[in-house]
Protein backbone atom coordinates (compact mmCIF):
# COMPACT_ATOMS: atom_id res chain seq x y z
CA MET A 1 26.19 -76.70 -17.55
CA PRO A 2 24.26 -77.77 -20.73
CA LEU A 3 22.79 -75.12 -22.87
CA ILE A 4 19.24 -74.94 -24.04
CA PRO A 5 19.23 -75.83 -27.75
CA HIS A 6 18.37 -73.11 -30.28
CA ASN A 7 17.06 -75.51 -32.92
CA ARG A 8 13.72 -77.42 -32.75
CA LEU A 9 13.84 -80.72 -30.87
CA PRO A 10 12.44 -83.60 -33.04
CA LEU A 11 11.25 -85.40 -29.93
CA LEU A 12 9.34 -82.37 -28.83
CA ASP A 13 7.54 -82.03 -32.16
CA SER A 14 6.75 -85.76 -32.05
CA LEU A 15 5.20 -85.38 -28.62
CA ARG A 16 3.08 -82.54 -29.88
CA GLY A 17 2.02 -84.74 -32.85
CA LEU A 18 1.05 -87.52 -30.49
CA ALA A 19 -1.04 -85.20 -28.32
CA ALA A 20 -2.78 -83.74 -31.33
CA LEU A 21 -3.54 -87.18 -32.70
CA ILE A 22 -5.09 -88.25 -29.39
CA VAL A 23 -7.44 -85.26 -29.51
CA VAL A 24 -8.41 -86.02 -33.19
CA VAL A 25 -9.06 -89.74 -32.33
CA HIS A 26 -11.28 -88.64 -29.38
CA HIS A 27 -13.39 -86.45 -31.60
CA TYR A 28 -13.48 -89.19 -34.25
CA MET A 29 -14.96 -91.52 -31.63
CA VAL A 30 -17.42 -88.77 -30.47
CA PHE A 31 -18.82 -88.53 -33.98
CA ASN A 32 -18.43 -92.15 -35.06
CA GLY A 33 -18.23 -94.19 -31.85
CA GLU A 34 -21.46 -96.17 -32.40
CA VAL A 35 -20.57 -97.02 -35.99
CA VAL A 36 -17.03 -98.04 -34.97
CA GLN A 37 -18.43 -100.35 -32.30
CA ARG A 38 -20.67 -102.07 -34.82
CA GLN A 39 -18.21 -102.47 -37.65
CA VAL A 40 -14.75 -102.79 -36.16
CA ALA A 41 -13.25 -105.68 -34.27
CA ILE A 42 -13.57 -105.43 -30.52
CA PRO A 43 -9.82 -105.35 -29.72
CA PHE A 44 -9.40 -102.34 -32.07
CA VAL A 45 -12.47 -100.61 -30.61
CA ARG A 46 -10.88 -100.95 -27.22
CA ILE A 47 -7.70 -99.38 -28.43
CA LEU A 48 -9.49 -96.45 -29.96
CA SER A 49 -11.64 -95.99 -26.79
CA PHE A 50 -8.57 -96.09 -24.59
CA ILE A 51 -6.85 -93.42 -26.77
CA SER A 52 -10.03 -91.34 -26.75
CA GLU A 53 -10.22 -91.44 -23.03
CA GLN A 54 -6.83 -89.67 -22.84
CA ASN A 55 -8.24 -86.47 -24.42
CA THR A 56 -8.04 -84.31 -21.28
CA ILE A 57 -4.47 -85.53 -20.55
CA ALA A 58 -3.54 -84.64 -24.13
CA VAL A 59 -4.83 -81.07 -23.73
CA LEU A 60 -2.98 -80.64 -20.39
CA PHE A 61 0.09 -82.08 -22.10
CA PHE A 62 -0.25 -79.28 -24.74
CA PHE A 63 -0.23 -76.72 -21.96
CA VAL A 64 3.01 -78.21 -20.53
CA LEU A 65 4.63 -78.49 -23.91
CA SER A 66 3.68 -74.85 -24.63
CA GLY A 67 5.53 -73.59 -21.56
CA PHE A 68 8.45 -75.92 -22.37
CA CYS A 69 8.71 -74.43 -25.90
CA ILE A 70 8.66 -70.84 -24.55
CA ALA A 71 11.59 -71.75 -22.25
CA LEU A 72 13.48 -73.12 -25.27
CA SER A 73 12.85 -69.99 -27.36
CA ARG A 74 13.69 -67.79 -24.39
CA GLN A 75 16.84 -69.77 -23.51
CA GLY A 76 15.26 -70.16 -20.04
CA LYS A 77 15.19 -66.42 -19.30
CA TRP A 78 12.40 -64.23 -18.10
CA LEU A 79 11.40 -61.22 -20.17
CA LEU A 80 13.75 -58.33 -19.53
CA GLY A 81 12.24 -55.17 -20.95
CA LYS A 82 9.95 -53.46 -23.45
CA GLU A 83 11.80 -54.57 -26.63
CA ASP A 84 12.25 -58.08 -25.33
CA THR A 85 8.51 -58.29 -24.50
CA ASN A 86 7.50 -56.84 -27.82
CA LEU A 87 9.55 -59.45 -29.75
CA TYR A 88 8.12 -62.17 -27.52
CA LEU A 89 4.55 -61.09 -28.13
CA TYR A 90 5.16 -60.72 -31.86
CA ARG A 91 6.37 -64.29 -32.09
CA ARG A 92 3.46 -65.61 -30.02
CA PHE A 93 0.87 -63.70 -32.09
CA LYS A 94 2.54 -64.91 -35.27
CA ARG A 95 2.30 -68.44 -33.95
CA ILE A 96 -1.29 -68.50 -32.78
CA LEU A 97 -3.38 -65.79 -34.65
CA PRO A 98 -3.27 -66.85 -38.31
CA VAL A 99 -4.43 -70.40 -37.65
CA TYR A 100 -6.93 -69.21 -35.08
CA TRP A 101 -8.46 -66.67 -37.48
CA LEU A 102 -8.68 -69.36 -40.11
CA ALA A 103 -10.45 -71.65 -37.66
CA LEU A 104 -13.09 -68.96 -37.02
CA LEU A 105 -13.54 -68.39 -40.73
CA LEU A 106 -13.84 -72.11 -41.31
CA SER A 107 -16.41 -72.36 -38.54
CA ILE A 108 -18.50 -69.59 -40.16
CA PHE A 109 -18.25 -71.32 -43.54
CA ILE A 110 -19.32 -74.66 -42.00
CA GLY A 111 -22.21 -72.96 -40.29
CA LEU A 112 -23.43 -71.53 -43.62
CA LEU A 113 -23.04 -74.92 -45.34
CA SER A 114 -24.82 -76.86 -42.69
CA GLY A 115 -27.61 -74.33 -42.14
CA THR A 116 -26.74 -73.86 -38.41
CA ILE A 117 -25.44 -70.29 -38.64
CA HIS A 118 -28.52 -69.04 -36.78
CA GLN A 119 -27.61 -70.97 -33.64
CA SER A 120 -26.23 -69.14 -30.58
CA ASP A 121 -22.80 -70.65 -31.01
CA TYR A 122 -22.50 -68.60 -34.29
CA SER A 123 -23.87 -65.30 -32.81
CA LEU A 124 -21.98 -62.05 -33.23
CA LYS A 125 -21.69 -61.80 -29.42
CA ASN A 126 -20.03 -65.22 -29.31
CA LEU A 127 -17.75 -64.30 -32.22
CA ILE A 128 -16.55 -61.13 -30.38
CA GLY A 129 -15.96 -63.22 -27.23
CA ASN A 130 -13.82 -65.68 -29.22
CA LEU A 131 -11.92 -62.84 -30.89
CA LEU A 132 -11.11 -61.56 -27.41
CA PHE A 133 -10.08 -65.10 -26.34
CA LEU A 134 -12.66 -65.31 -23.55
CA GLN A 135 -14.32 -68.62 -24.59
CA THR A 136 -14.38 -71.62 -22.30
CA SER A 137 -15.74 -75.12 -22.67
CA LYS A 138 -19.55 -75.49 -22.88
CA TYR A 139 -19.20 -78.49 -20.60
CA ALA A 140 -17.78 -76.48 -17.73
CA THR A 141 -19.91 -75.42 -14.79
CA SER A 142 -20.40 -72.03 -16.33
CA TYR A 143 -19.15 -69.93 -19.24
CA TRP A 144 -19.39 -66.42 -20.77
CA PHE A 145 -18.71 -67.54 -24.37
CA SER A 146 -18.59 -70.94 -25.99
CA PRO A 147 -16.16 -72.07 -28.65
CA TYR A 148 -17.34 -70.31 -31.83
CA GLY A 149 -19.33 -72.49 -34.25
CA ASN A 150 -19.23 -75.33 -31.75
CA ASN A 151 -15.51 -75.77 -32.59
CA GLY A 152 -14.78 -77.36 -29.30
CA PRO A 153 -10.96 -77.36 -29.27
CA LEU A 154 -10.98 -73.50 -29.37
CA TRP A 155 -11.64 -73.29 -25.63
CA SER A 156 -8.06 -74.29 -24.92
CA LEU A 157 -6.59 -71.70 -27.22
CA ALA A 158 -8.15 -69.00 -24.97
CA TYR A 159 -6.06 -70.50 -22.19
CA GLU A 160 -2.98 -70.48 -24.33
CA MET A 161 -3.40 -66.80 -25.18
CA PHE A 162 -3.88 -65.94 -21.49
CA PHE A 163 -0.64 -67.88 -20.66
CA TYR A 164 1.28 -65.96 -23.35
CA LEU A 165 -0.05 -62.61 -22.11
CA PHE A 166 0.36 -63.33 -18.37
CA PHE A 167 3.97 -64.53 -18.77
CA PRO A 168 5.32 -60.90 -19.18
CA PHE A 169 3.48 -59.83 -16.00
CA PHE A 170 4.89 -62.84 -14.12
CA SER A 171 8.35 -62.08 -15.45
CA PHE A 172 7.92 -58.48 -14.24
CA LEU A 173 7.05 -59.61 -10.74
CA ILE A 174 10.07 -61.98 -10.53
CA LEU A 175 12.52 -59.36 -11.71
CA ARG A 176 11.15 -56.60 -9.56
CA ILE A 177 10.49 -58.50 -6.23
CA ARG A 178 13.65 -60.13 -5.03
CA ILE A 179 11.95 -62.75 -2.86
CA LEU A 180 10.22 -64.09 -5.93
CA ARG A 181 13.55 -65.18 -7.37
CA SER A 182 13.38 -68.16 -5.10
CA GLU A 183 12.01 -71.31 -6.85
CA ASN A 184 10.09 -72.29 -3.72
CA VAL A 185 8.47 -68.88 -3.39
CA GLN A 186 7.57 -68.88 -7.08
CA TRP A 187 5.70 -72.28 -6.57
CA ILE A 188 3.87 -70.78 -3.57
CA VAL A 189 2.75 -67.78 -5.55
CA LEU A 190 1.66 -69.99 -8.48
CA GLY A 191 -0.40 -72.04 -6.01
CA VAL A 192 -1.95 -68.82 -4.61
CA PHE A 193 -2.86 -67.80 -8.17
CA SER A 194 -4.60 -71.14 -8.71
CA ILE A 195 -6.47 -71.13 -5.44
CA THR A 196 -7.54 -67.50 -5.95
CA GLY A 197 -8.96 -68.38 -9.35
CA ILE A 198 -10.80 -71.39 -7.93
CA LEU A 199 -12.32 -69.49 -5.03
CA VAL A 200 -13.38 -66.46 -7.05
CA ASN A 201 -15.11 -68.59 -9.68
CA ARG A 202 -16.85 -70.70 -6.99
CA TYR A 203 -17.93 -68.08 -4.53
CA VAL A 204 -17.94 -64.73 -6.37
CA GLY A 205 -19.05 -65.70 -9.90
CA PHE A 206 -17.51 -67.26 -12.95
CA MET A 207 -14.91 -65.20 -14.80
CA PRO A 208 -12.93 -66.64 -17.70
CA LEU A 209 -9.75 -64.85 -16.64
CA MET A 210 -9.92 -66.57 -13.23
CA ALA A 211 -10.32 -69.95 -14.90
CA PHE A 212 -7.24 -69.20 -17.07
CA LEU A 213 -5.27 -67.98 -14.01
CA THR A 214 -6.04 -71.24 -12.22
CA ALA A 215 -4.29 -73.25 -14.90
CA PHE A 216 -1.25 -70.95 -15.36
CA ILE A 217 0.75 -73.18 -12.95
CA ILE A 218 0.52 -76.03 -15.48
CA TRP A 219 1.94 -73.94 -18.24
CA ILE A 220 4.78 -72.45 -16.16
CA ALA A 221 5.61 -75.99 -14.94
CA GLY A 222 6.46 -76.79 -18.52
CA PHE A 223 8.67 -73.67 -18.65
CA LYS A 224 10.49 -74.86 -15.50
CA VAL A 225 11.00 -78.37 -16.83
CA ALA A 226 12.89 -77.05 -19.82
CA VAL A 227 15.00 -74.81 -17.61
CA ASP A 228 15.77 -77.61 -15.18
CA VAL A 229 16.54 -80.15 -17.94
CA TYR A 230 18.96 -77.97 -19.96
CA CYS A 231 20.40 -75.66 -17.28
CA ALA A 232 20.33 -78.11 -14.30
CA ARG A 233 19.26 -75.29 -11.98
CA ARG A 234 17.89 -77.65 -9.34
CA PRO A 235 18.09 -81.31 -8.50
CA GLY A 236 15.77 -83.91 -9.93
CA GLN A 237 14.48 -84.67 -6.44
CA SER A 238 12.27 -81.59 -6.66
CA TRP A 239 10.47 -83.04 -9.71
CA LEU A 240 10.30 -86.43 -7.97
CA LEU A 241 8.53 -84.77 -5.03
CA ILE A 242 6.16 -82.96 -7.44
CA PHE A 243 5.43 -86.32 -9.11
CA PHE A 244 4.54 -88.14 -5.86
CA LEU A 245 2.44 -85.23 -4.55
CA SER A 246 0.47 -84.96 -7.76
CA VAL A 247 -0.06 -88.71 -7.86
CA LEU A 248 -1.34 -88.54 -4.32
CA LEU A 249 -3.82 -85.94 -5.31
CA ILE A 250 -4.92 -87.77 -8.41
CA THR A 251 -5.47 -91.05 -6.52
CA SER A 252 -7.43 -89.10 -3.83
CA ARG A 253 -9.86 -87.64 -6.32
CA GLN A 254 -12.96 -88.49 -4.33
CA TYR A 255 -11.70 -86.32 -1.56
CA ILE A 256 -10.79 -83.33 -3.71
CA PRO A 257 -13.45 -80.57 -3.61
CA SER A 258 -12.55 -79.07 -7.00
CA ALA A 259 -12.15 -80.56 -10.44
CA SER A 260 -9.64 -77.78 -11.16
CA ILE A 261 -7.32 -79.03 -8.42
CA TYR A 262 -7.52 -82.52 -9.94
CA GLU A 263 -6.60 -81.16 -13.38
CA ILE A 264 -3.77 -79.18 -11.94
CA ALA A 265 -2.41 -82.33 -10.25
CA GLN A 266 -2.63 -84.11 -13.63
CA GLY A 267 -0.80 -81.26 -15.31
CA LEU A 268 1.97 -81.20 -12.76
CA CYS A 269 2.28 -84.98 -12.93
CA ILE A 270 2.65 -84.67 -16.73
CA ALA A 271 5.37 -82.04 -16.25
CA ALA A 272 7.28 -84.28 -13.84
CA ILE A 273 7.03 -87.20 -16.22
CA LEU A 274 8.30 -84.94 -19.07
CA TYR A 275 11.23 -83.98 -16.94
CA GLY A 276 12.03 -87.61 -16.34
CA LEU A 277 11.65 -88.42 -20.03
CA PHE A 278 14.13 -85.79 -21.14
CA LYS A 279 16.57 -86.71 -18.38
CA LEU A 280 16.39 -90.35 -19.41
CA ASN A 281 16.89 -89.37 -23.02
CA ALA A 282 20.09 -87.41 -21.99
CA CYS A 283 21.62 -90.26 -19.84
CA TRP A 284 20.49 -93.36 -21.59
CA LYS A 285 23.07 -94.22 -24.30
CA SER A 286 22.11 -97.30 -26.31
CA SER A 287 21.19 -98.35 -29.80
CA LEU A 288 17.82 -99.45 -28.47
CA LYS A 289 17.01 -95.87 -27.37
CA ASN A 290 18.04 -94.50 -30.68
CA SER A 291 15.92 -97.01 -32.47
CA LEU A 292 12.90 -96.23 -30.31
CA LYS A 293 13.43 -92.47 -30.81
CA LYS A 294 13.70 -92.91 -34.61
CA GLY A 295 10.49 -94.97 -34.71
CA PHE A 296 8.60 -92.53 -32.50
CA ASN A 297 9.76 -89.51 -34.51
CA PHE A 298 8.92 -91.36 -37.76
CA CYS A 299 5.39 -91.87 -36.64
CA PHE A 300 4.65 -88.50 -35.08
CA ASN A 301 7.17 -85.83 -36.03
CA HIS A 302 5.54 -84.75 -39.25
CA ILE A 303 2.18 -84.47 -37.49
CA GLY A 304 3.85 -82.36 -34.78
CA HIS A 305 4.92 -79.77 -37.32
CA GLY A 306 1.24 -79.16 -38.06
CA SER A 307 -0.19 -80.09 -34.68
CA TYR A 308 -1.63 -76.65 -34.00
CA ALA A 309 -3.45 -76.41 -37.33
CA LEU A 310 -4.72 -79.97 -36.96
CA TYR A 311 -5.90 -79.24 -33.48
CA ALA A 312 -7.80 -76.06 -34.40
CA LEU A 313 -9.25 -77.10 -37.77
CA HIS A 314 -10.26 -80.77 -37.51
CA TYR A 315 -13.44 -80.34 -35.50
CA PRO A 316 -15.34 -78.15 -38.03
CA VAL A 317 -14.33 -80.77 -40.71
CA PHE A 318 -15.96 -83.49 -38.55
CA ILE A 319 -19.11 -81.33 -38.21
CA ILE A 320 -19.57 -80.86 -41.97
CA MET A 321 -18.78 -84.52 -42.62
CA GLN A 322 -21.44 -85.61 -40.19
CA HIS A 323 -23.88 -83.13 -41.76
CA TYR A 324 -23.45 -84.76 -45.17
CA HIS A 325 -23.45 -88.28 -43.68
CA VAL A 326 -19.92 -89.06 -44.76
CA SER A 327 -19.04 -92.65 -43.83
CA ALA A 328 -16.74 -93.34 -40.91
CA ILE A 329 -14.09 -94.87 -43.12
CA THR A 330 -14.13 -91.90 -45.48
CA GLN A 331 -13.86 -89.49 -42.53
CA ALA A 332 -10.75 -91.39 -41.29
CA GLY A 333 -9.26 -90.99 -44.82
CA ILE A 334 -10.00 -87.25 -44.93
CA ILE A 335 -8.41 -86.77 -41.50
CA PHE A 336 -5.46 -88.83 -42.60
CA ILE A 337 -4.97 -86.41 -45.53
CA MET A 338 -5.17 -83.49 -43.06
CA LEU A 339 -2.23 -85.02 -41.13
CA PHE A 340 -0.05 -84.21 -44.15
CA LEU A 341 -1.59 -80.98 -45.24
CA CYS A 342 -1.68 -79.25 -41.86
CA PRO A 343 2.12 -78.83 -41.47
CA ILE A 344 2.18 -77.10 -44.93
CA LEU A 345 -0.74 -74.89 -44.01
CA GLU A 346 0.63 -73.97 -40.59
CA THR A 347 4.08 -73.07 -41.99
CA TYR A 348 2.52 -70.88 -44.70
CA LEU A 349 0.18 -69.09 -42.33
CA SER A 350 2.85 -68.33 -39.68
CA ARG A 351 5.64 -67.37 -42.08
CA GLN A 352 3.88 -65.79 -45.06
CA ALA A 353 0.34 -64.72 -44.26
CA PHE A 354 1.14 -63.17 -40.92
CA SER A 355 4.02 -61.12 -42.30
CA ARG A 356 1.70 -59.64 -44.86
CA ILE A 357 -0.70 -58.26 -42.28
CA GLN A 358 1.89 -57.35 -39.71
CA LEU A 359 2.34 -53.73 -40.90
CA LEU A 360 -1.41 -53.19 -40.91
CA VAL A 361 -2.21 -54.71 -37.51
CA MET A 362 0.94 -54.26 -35.36
CA PRO A 363 3.60 -52.39 -37.26
CA LYS A 364 5.94 -51.86 -34.30
CA LEU A 365 5.59 -55.18 -32.65
CA GLY A 366 7.96 -57.16 -34.77
CA LYS A 367 10.75 -54.57 -34.74
């Protein structure tokens, strides 16, 4: 039985880089779409527009990859006790908090520079909501808090934090309730979680935690993909079934009463495709595959090492560039520079900056 690798997978980092780049291209087109259509050749505009349209898919892909990475770091195991949970939480906080706090500070700075600090998106109430990771998209049906400073991508980081914090509880349930150790029962429970979240938000009133709970099945699907790929705990037919069922739901969108169900179907479809991708990578032995991997990693691996920082920080940069009427081509150049700086920044913040505040904020968590 193959073991889950301890080291980072270059292909995984490259996939993260690709997803981050799709989100950045989407926002570039949001801010500069009209200019691009006037000044750029039509075939290239169509390519950029197609990439931009995959924005939602890219965010869902991030959720799947996040769960996948947790499975790799956990060697496919559920959390087993207090010390194990503390170490897990320390590593998650070390990963997400420094860049997140920097994104909030950058948003404040941009608000001051642009003269928009008085707007509701910059209010103290909204800042507190973002510090508590309760923000959701402004374009959703309802929300308590919007992404601070209109930094749109921050909404998905609230989901990520919920997934990280809910995983210990889910592990506790599986280890304490014997029937939950069945894979099929776990999927049923995850489905119940999602349906409960949808029903509560529709018929009781919107609650961010219910929205986060609805999407937890997507994150845990990524976790299960890693376990199934490297530990071969169940046959590939299960993921083939998930793929066909999710495709059926996606193609029947007009009959689905909830956008959340449609997004869950997309997320599960992505997870099934990721399973197939890694299985193909394992069994396909050829020089062509190696050449394709090298090319893909050459294009996106470096971006993947800074994908989180790029994702969290690029939007305020677009805001201030628009405020000062920076040309579209110059904006593209600045974002290109960010592709190389973000890996350095992310490494410094997670390894150096967080360790310095660790004793002040959570002295026992990393022990």
